[in-house]
Amino acid sequence: MQFNQVDFSQITLSQLQTGKGCKTGAASYNGAPCKFLLSGSEWFTAPFGASTYDKDPNATRLTCEIDVTAKDVHPLLQGLDRWVVEHVVQNNLFEGMSREDITKQYHPCLQFSEKYNSHRLRTKVNIAGFNSCRWFRNPEREVCKYEDVDVRNSRIQPVIHLKGVWKQANQWGISLDLVKALVDGTGADEWEF
């Protein structure tokens, strides 16, 4: 399924559970994991590649910001940010919090950088282990390893998993994992997963 086909009304969020340092609530789409191809016709860049804030060379869970500036998915992602805030409020997911506090403490998945004049979708990517992202070279669709991919200098068509929501201290947001990506395409092909 492509992101423009996602019906937000079919996404449910579980009650919060205490996890590693924060509380999380799982997302499901019609009872199944909510995974979608960001776009089958547009290619995206990740201008900073995949890394951690502290540049830890041993980290296996990295941040990957995908540039969505002037892309068709940009308004859809703005809609996702609005939907999740409203869903949390309407379902009283954060008991005792006012609409104002929920809205104020939300960390949007779509971030704007004045410095680079760009809108970026903030995702996480696992580069090792059972849940590691699967990478494919275009146009051959050959499987490749993360170590063989230059994310910073490539264009990608990512598959995203909306895992759910997270909450810690005075902030919360949605968890979006990059789970599969077609890499180095020409932009002419379309990819369904």
Protein backbone atom coordinates (compact mmCIF):
# COMPACT_ATOMS: atom_id res chain seq x y z
CA MET A 1 0.00 0.00 0.00
CA GLN A 2 1.21 3.51 -0.76
CA PHE A 3 0.96 6.30 1.77
CA ASN A 4 -1.69 8.13 -0.26
CA GLN A 5 -3.92 5.04 0.17
CA VAL A 6 -3.69 4.98 3.98
CA ASP A 7 -7.07 5.67 5.61
CA PHE A 8 -6.14 7.23 8.96
CA SER A 9 -9.52 6.23 10.40
CA GLN A 10 -8.39 2.60 10.16
CA ILE A 11 -5.30 3.17 12.34
CA THR A 12 -5.63 2.30 16.01
CA LEU A 13 -3.20 3.01 18.83
CA SER A 14 -2.93 0.77 21.87
CA GLN A 15 -2.83 2.03 25.43
CA LEU A 16 0.62 3.11 26.56
CA GLN A 17 3.02 0.52 27.95
CA THR A 18 6.20 1.28 29.89
CA GLY A 19 9.33 0.42 27.92
CA LYS A 20 13.00 1.36 27.81
CA GLY A 21 12.99 4.89 29.17
CA CYS A 22 9.69 5.86 27.61
CA LYS A 23 6.10 4.75 27.21
CA THR A 24 4.92 3.41 23.88
CA GLY A 25 1.62 2.57 22.23
CA ALA A 26 1.57 0.25 19.20
CA ALA A 27 -0.18 1.18 15.97
CA SER A 28 -2.16 -1.20 13.80
CA TYR A 29 -3.95 -0.80 10.50
CA ASN A 30 -7.06 -2.95 10.23
CA GLY A 31 -5.47 -5.23 12.82
CA ALA A 32 -2.12 -5.57 11.02
CA PRO A 33 1.15 -3.61 11.10
CA CYS A 34 0.83 -0.22 9.40
CA LYS A 35 3.45 -0.31 6.63
CA PHE A 36 3.38 1.78 3.49
CA LEU A 37 5.47 2.79 0.51
CA LEU A 38 6.01 6.53 0.89
CA SER A 39 5.52 6.98 -2.87
CA GLY A 40 5.82 4.65 -5.82
CA SER A 41 6.47 7.47 -8.28
CA GLU A 42 8.64 9.94 -6.34
CA TRP A 43 12.24 9.54 -5.23
CA PHE A 44 13.58 11.04 -2.02
CA THR A 45 16.96 12.02 -0.67
CA ALA A 46 18.33 11.63 2.83
CA PRO A 47 20.82 14.53 2.75
CA PHE A 48 22.41 13.64 6.09
CA GLY A 49 22.44 9.89 5.54
CA ALA A 50 21.69 7.71 8.55
CA SER A 51 23.44 8.48 11.83
CA THR A 52 23.06 9.10 15.53
CA TYR A 53 23.11 12.47 17.25
CA ASP A 54 26.28 11.55 19.14
CA LYS A 55 27.90 9.95 16.04
CA ASP A 56 28.30 6.61 17.86
CA PRO A 57 30.04 4.29 15.35
CA ASN A 58 28.66 1.20 17.11
CA ALA A 59 25.00 2.26 17.02
CA THR A 60 22.63 -0.01 15.11
CA ARG A 61 19.49 2.16 15.35
CA LEU A 62 20.04 5.36 13.39
CA THR A 63 18.06 8.45 12.47
CA CYS A 64 17.37 8.98 8.79
CA GLU A 65 15.71 12.25 7.75
CA ILE A 66 14.03 11.99 4.35
CA ASP A 67 13.62 15.23 2.39
CA VAL A 68 9.99 15.63 1.31
CA THR A 69 10.20 19.28 0.23
CA ALA A 70 7.82 19.98 -2.69
CA LYS A 71 6.84 16.30 -2.90
CA ASP A 72 3.25 15.10 -3.29
CA VAL A 73 3.43 13.32 0.09
CA HIS A 74 4.25 16.52 1.99
CA PRO A 75 0.61 17.56 2.64
CA LEU A 76 -0.28 13.94 3.46
CA LEU A 77 2.44 13.88 6.13
CA GLN A 78 1.12 17.16 7.53
CA GLY A 79 -2.24 15.38 7.73
CA LEU A 80 -0.64 12.49 9.62
CA ASP A 81 0.73 14.93 12.20
CA ARG A 82 -2.71 16.54 12.62
CA TRP A 83 -4.45 13.14 12.75
CA VAL A 84 -2.24 11.67 15.50
CA VAL A 85 -2.70 14.70 17.78
CA GLU A 86 -6.47 14.54 17.34
CA HIS A 87 -6.51 10.75 17.82
CA VAL A 88 -4.56 11.02 21.09
CA VAL A 89 -6.92 13.75 22.34
CA GLN A 90 -10.15 11.99 21.29
CA ASN A 91 -9.09 8.63 22.76
CA ASN A 92 -7.68 10.11 25.98
CA LEU A 93 -4.45 8.20 25.37
CA PHE A 94 -2.50 10.48 27.74
CA GLU A 95 -4.86 10.49 30.69
CA GLY A 96 -5.22 13.80 32.45
CA MET A 97 -3.48 15.87 29.76
CA SER A 98 -5.30 18.79 28.20
CA ARG A 99 -5.63 19.27 24.43
CA GLU A 100 -3.34 22.29 24.77
CA ASP A 101 -0.58 20.29 26.51
CA ILE A 102 -0.90 17.38 24.07
CA THR A 103 -0.58 19.75 21.13
CA LYS A 104 2.28 21.73 22.67
CA GLN A 105 4.31 18.64 23.60
CA TYR A 106 3.92 16.88 20.23
CA HIS A 107 7.17 16.40 18.29
CA PRO A 108 6.00 16.29 14.64
CA CYS A 109 7.33 13.61 12.31
CA LEU A 110 7.65 16.35 9.69
CA GLN A 111 10.37 18.83 10.61
CA PHE A 112 11.19 22.11 8.87
CA SER A 113 14.77 23.36 8.72
CA GLU A 114 15.17 27.09 8.20
CA LYS A 115 18.89 26.59 7.69
CA TYR A 116 18.34 24.26 4.71
CA ASN A 117 14.85 25.53 3.79
CA SER A 118 13.57 21.97 3.66
CA HIS A 119 10.89 19.72 5.13
CA ARG A 120 12.18 16.36 6.34
CA LEU A 121 10.43 13.23 7.55
CA ARG A 122 12.20 11.92 10.63
CA THR A 123 12.52 8.11 10.63
CA LYS A 124 14.60 5.51 12.40
CA VAL A 125 16.46 2.73 10.63
CA ASN A 126 17.87 -0.47 12.12
CA ILE A 127 21.06 -1.52 10.36
CA ALA A 128 21.60 -4.80 12.22
CA GLY A 129 19.57 -7.52 13.85
CA PHE A 130 16.24 -9.17 13.23
CA ASN A 131 14.40 -5.94 12.37
CA SER A 132 17.11 -4.48 10.15
CA CYS A 133 16.11 -2.51 7.07
CA ARG A 134 16.25 -4.36 3.76
CA TRP A 135 17.99 -2.49 0.93
CA PHE A 136 17.55 -3.10 -2.80
CA ARG A 137 19.47 -1.60 -5.71
CA ASN A 138 17.52 -0.15 -8.61
CA PRO A 139 16.87 -1.12 -11.35
CA GLU A 140 17.97 -4.72 -10.70
CA ARG A 141 16.08 -5.00 -7.38
CA GLU A 142 19.12 -6.83 -6.00
CA VAL A 143 19.41 -7.12 -2.24
CA CYS A 144 22.37 -5.20 -0.85
CA LYS A 145 23.83 -4.54 2.59
CA TYR A 146 23.61 -1.26 4.46
CA GLU A 147 27.42 -1.04 4.39
CA ASP A 148 27.26 -1.04 0.57
CA VAL A 149 24.71 1.79 0.38
CA ASP A 150 25.68 5.46 0.39
CA VAL A 151 22.39 6.75 1.81
CA ARG A 152 23.58 10.35 1.89
CA ASN A 153 24.26 10.44 -1.87
CA SER A 154 21.42 8.21 -3.04
CA ARG A 155 17.79 8.64 -3.91
CA ILE A 156 15.43 6.19 -2.26
CA GLN A 157 11.87 4.94 -2.37
CA PRO A 158 11.28 3.96 1.27
CA VAL A 159 8.79 1.63 2.90
CA ILE A 160 7.84 3.04 6.29
CA HIS A 161 6.41 1.22 9.32
CA LEU A 162 4.26 3.42 11.54
CA LYS A 163 5.05 1.55 14.76
CA GLY A 164 3.01 3.71 17.12
CA VAL A 165 3.49 6.57 19.55
CA TRP A 166 6.14 7.24 22.17
CA LYS A 167 5.98 9.50 25.22
CA GLN A 168 8.64 10.61 27.66
CA ALA A 169 8.89 13.56 30.04
CA ASN A 170 7.30 16.55 28.32
CA GLN A 171 7.31 15.36 24.73
CA TRP A 172 5.77 12.69 22.53
CA GLY A 173 5.61 11.69 18.89
CA ILE A 174 5.08 8.89 16.42
CA SER A 175 7.60 6.15 15.66
CA LEU A 176 8.35 5.72 11.97
CA ASP A 177 10.85 3.06 10.96
CA LEU A 178 12.43 2.71 7.54
CA VAL A 179 12.02 -1.04 6.91
CA LYS A 180 12.78 -1.40 3.21
CA ALA A 181 14.20 0.90 0.53
CA LEU A 182 14.87 0.86 -3.18
CA VAL A 183 18.17 2.71 -3.63
CA ASP A 184 19.92 4.75 -6.37
CA GLY A 185 17.01 4.80 -8.77
CA THR A 186 16.61 7.00 -11.79
CA GLY A 187 13.18 8.06 -10.62
CA ALA A 188 11.56 6.60 -13.73
CA ASP A 189 10.57 3.24 -12.26
CA GLU A 190 7.66 2.56 -9.94
CA TRP A 191 8.00 0.11 -7.09
CA GLU A 192 5.29 -1.77 -5.25
CA PHE A 193 6.22 -3.84 -2.23
